[in-house]
Amino acid sequence: MTRVGQDCQLIVCGDTKQSDFDPKREKSGFAQLLEIAKNLPKWFDITTFRPQDIVRSAFVKDFIIEVDRVIP
């Protein structure tokens, strides 16, 4: 982030629910980045996709909705 120059555009994609880190020992900086970005609306636009935006398949949509219900 500290290397972004004038008139540059940076696109970051991620999912706070997906990580390869062991949550007991490590944590991703992505959630922290989102919190910082929320406090800087002049510089960041945040798009949040929800289960109703899923177009891969009905199975995937239903599965994600159920996961969100069971594991908040």
C-alpha atoms as a PDB file:
ATOM      1  CA  MET A   1       0.000   0.000   0.000  1.00  0.00           C
ATOM      2  CA  THR A   2       2.785   2.402   0.782  1.00  0.00           C
ATOM      3  CA  ARG A   3       4.156   2.118  -2.769  1.00  0.00           C
ATOM      4  CA  VAL A   4       0.983   3.218  -4.612  1.00  0.00           C
ATOM      5  CA  GLY A   5       1.772   6.236  -6.768  1.00  0.00           C
ATOM      6  CA  GLN A   6      -0.262   9.181  -8.032  1.00  0.00           C
ATOM      7  CA  ASP A   7      -3.121   8.188 -10.379  1.00  0.00           C
ATOM      8  CA  CYS A   8      -2.649   4.475  -9.602  1.00  0.00           C
ATOM      9  CA  GLN A   9      -5.524   2.132  -8.993  1.00  0.00           C
ATOM     10  CA  LEU A  10      -5.196  -0.829  -6.675  1.00  0.00           C
ATOM     11  CA  ILE A  11      -7.741  -3.646  -6.677  1.00  0.00           C
ATOM     12  CA  VAL A  12      -7.749  -6.053  -3.742  1.00  0.00           C
ATOM     13  CA  CYS A  13      -9.974  -9.141  -3.680  1.00  0.00           C
ATOM     14  CA  GLY A  14     -10.431 -11.347  -0.677  1.00  0.00           C
ATOM     15  CA  ASP A  15     -12.721 -13.200   1.659  1.00  0.00           C
ATOM     16  CA  THR A  16     -12.425 -12.832   5.418  1.00  0.00           C
ATOM     17  CA  LYS A  17     -13.852 -16.338   5.818  1.00  0.00           C
ATOM     18  CA  GLN A  18     -11.172 -17.994   3.698  1.00  0.00           C
ATOM     19  CA  SER A  19      -7.652 -18.330   5.010  1.00  0.00           C
ATOM     20  CA  ASP A  20      -4.827 -20.850   5.005  1.00  0.00           C
ATOM     21  CA  PHE A  21      -3.616 -19.574   8.363  1.00  0.00           C
ATOM     22  CA  ASP A  22      -4.088 -21.496  11.591  1.00  0.00           C
ATOM     23  CA  PRO A  23      -6.275 -19.028  13.532  1.00  0.00           C
ATOM     24  CA  LYS A  24      -4.713 -20.157  16.820  1.00  0.00           C
ATOM     25  CA  ARG A  25      -1.231 -19.119  15.692  1.00  0.00           C
ATOM     26  CA  GLU A  26      -1.561 -16.668  12.806  1.00  0.00           C
ATOM     27  CA  LYS A  27      -3.997 -14.134  11.462  1.00  0.00           C
ATOM     28  CA  SER A  28      -4.548 -12.559   8.103  1.00  0.00           C
ATOM     29  CA  GLY A  29      -4.174  -8.833   7.641  1.00  0.00           C
ATOM     30  CA  PHE A  30      -7.130  -8.727   5.232  1.00  0.00           C
ATOM     31  CA  ALA A  31      -9.739  -7.981   7.929  1.00  0.00           C
ATOM     32  CA  GLN A  32      -7.515  -5.198   9.261  1.00  0.00           C
ATOM     33  CA  LEU A  33      -7.155  -3.777   5.756  1.00  0.00           C
ATOM     34  CA  LEU A  34     -10.950  -3.680   5.432  1.00  0.00           C
ATOM     35  CA  GLU A  35     -11.295  -1.812   8.733  1.00  0.00           C
ATOM     36  CA  ILE A  36      -8.714   0.753   7.646  1.00  0.00           C
ATOM     37  CA  ALA A  37     -10.365   1.134   4.236  1.00  0.00           C
ATOM     38  CA  LYS A  38     -13.789   1.706   5.858  1.00  0.00           C
ATOM     39  CA  ASN A  39     -12.297   4.669   7.711  1.00  0.00           C
ATOM     40  CA  LEU A  40     -10.904   6.162   4.488  1.00  0.00           C
ATOM     41  CA  PRO A  41     -13.957   6.422   2.186  1.00  0.00           C
ATOM     42  CA  LYS A  42     -12.278   9.215   0.212  1.00  0.00           C
ATOM     43  CA  TRP A  43      -9.723   6.689  -1.031  1.00  0.00           C
ATOM     44  CA  PHE A  44     -11.470   3.305  -0.939  1.00  0.00           C
ATOM     45  CA  ASP A  45     -14.608   1.827  -2.455  1.00  0.00           C
ATOM     46  CA  ILE A  46     -15.639  -1.470  -0.875  1.00  0.00           C
ATOM     47  CA  THR A  47     -17.903  -3.931  -2.648  1.00  0.00           C
ATOM     48  CA  THR A  48     -19.309  -6.723  -0.510  1.00  0.00           C
ATOM     49  CA  PHE A  49     -20.856  -9.712  -2.208  1.00  0.00           C
ATOM     50  CA  ARG A  50     -23.590 -11.628  -0.428  1.00  0.00           C
ATOM     51  CA  PRO A  51     -24.988 -15.158  -0.960  1.00  0.00           C
ATOM     52  CA  GLN A  52     -27.696 -13.798  -3.282  1.00  0.00           C
ATOM     53  CA  ASP A  53     -24.891 -12.661  -5.626  1.00  0.00           C
ATOM     54  CA  ILE A  54     -23.679 -16.249  -6.166  1.00  0.00           C
ATOM     55  CA  VAL A  55     -24.197 -17.383  -9.755  1.00  0.00           C
ATOM     56  CA  ARG A  56     -22.024 -20.523  -9.875  1.00  0.00           C
ATOM     57  CA  SER A  57     -24.790 -22.966  -9.016  1.00  0.00           C
ATOM     58  CA  ALA A  58     -27.825 -23.403  -6.800  1.00  0.00           C
ATOM     59  CA  PHE A  59     -25.871 -25.978  -4.778  1.00  0.00           C
ATOM     60  CA  VAL A  60     -23.033 -23.533  -4.030  1.00  0.00           C
ATOM     61  CA  LYS A  61     -25.504 -20.802  -3.120  1.00  0.00           C
ATOM     62  CA  ASP A  62     -27.448 -23.069  -0.734  1.00  0.00           C
ATOM     63  CA  PHE A  63     -24.230 -24.421   0.761  1.00  0.00           C
ATOM     64  CA  ILE A  64     -22.796 -20.953   1.453  1.00  0.00           C
ATOM     65  CA  ILE A  65     -26.082 -19.796   3.008  1.00  0.00           C
ATOM     66  CA  GLU A  66     -26.073 -22.850   5.289  1.00  0.00           C
ATOM     67  CA  VAL A  67     -22.417 -22.390   6.233  1.00  0.00           C
ATOM     68  CA  ASP A  68     -23.132 -18.756   7.157  1.00  0.00           C
ATOM     69  CA  ARG A  69     -26.062 -19.906   9.278  1.00  0.00           C
ATOM     70  CA  VAL A  70     -24.160 -22.658  11.101  1.00  0.00           C
ATOM     71  CA  ILE A  71     -20.786 -20.904  11.388  1.00  0.00           C
ATOM     72  CA  PRO A  72     -21.447 -17.175  11.907  1.00  0.00           C
END
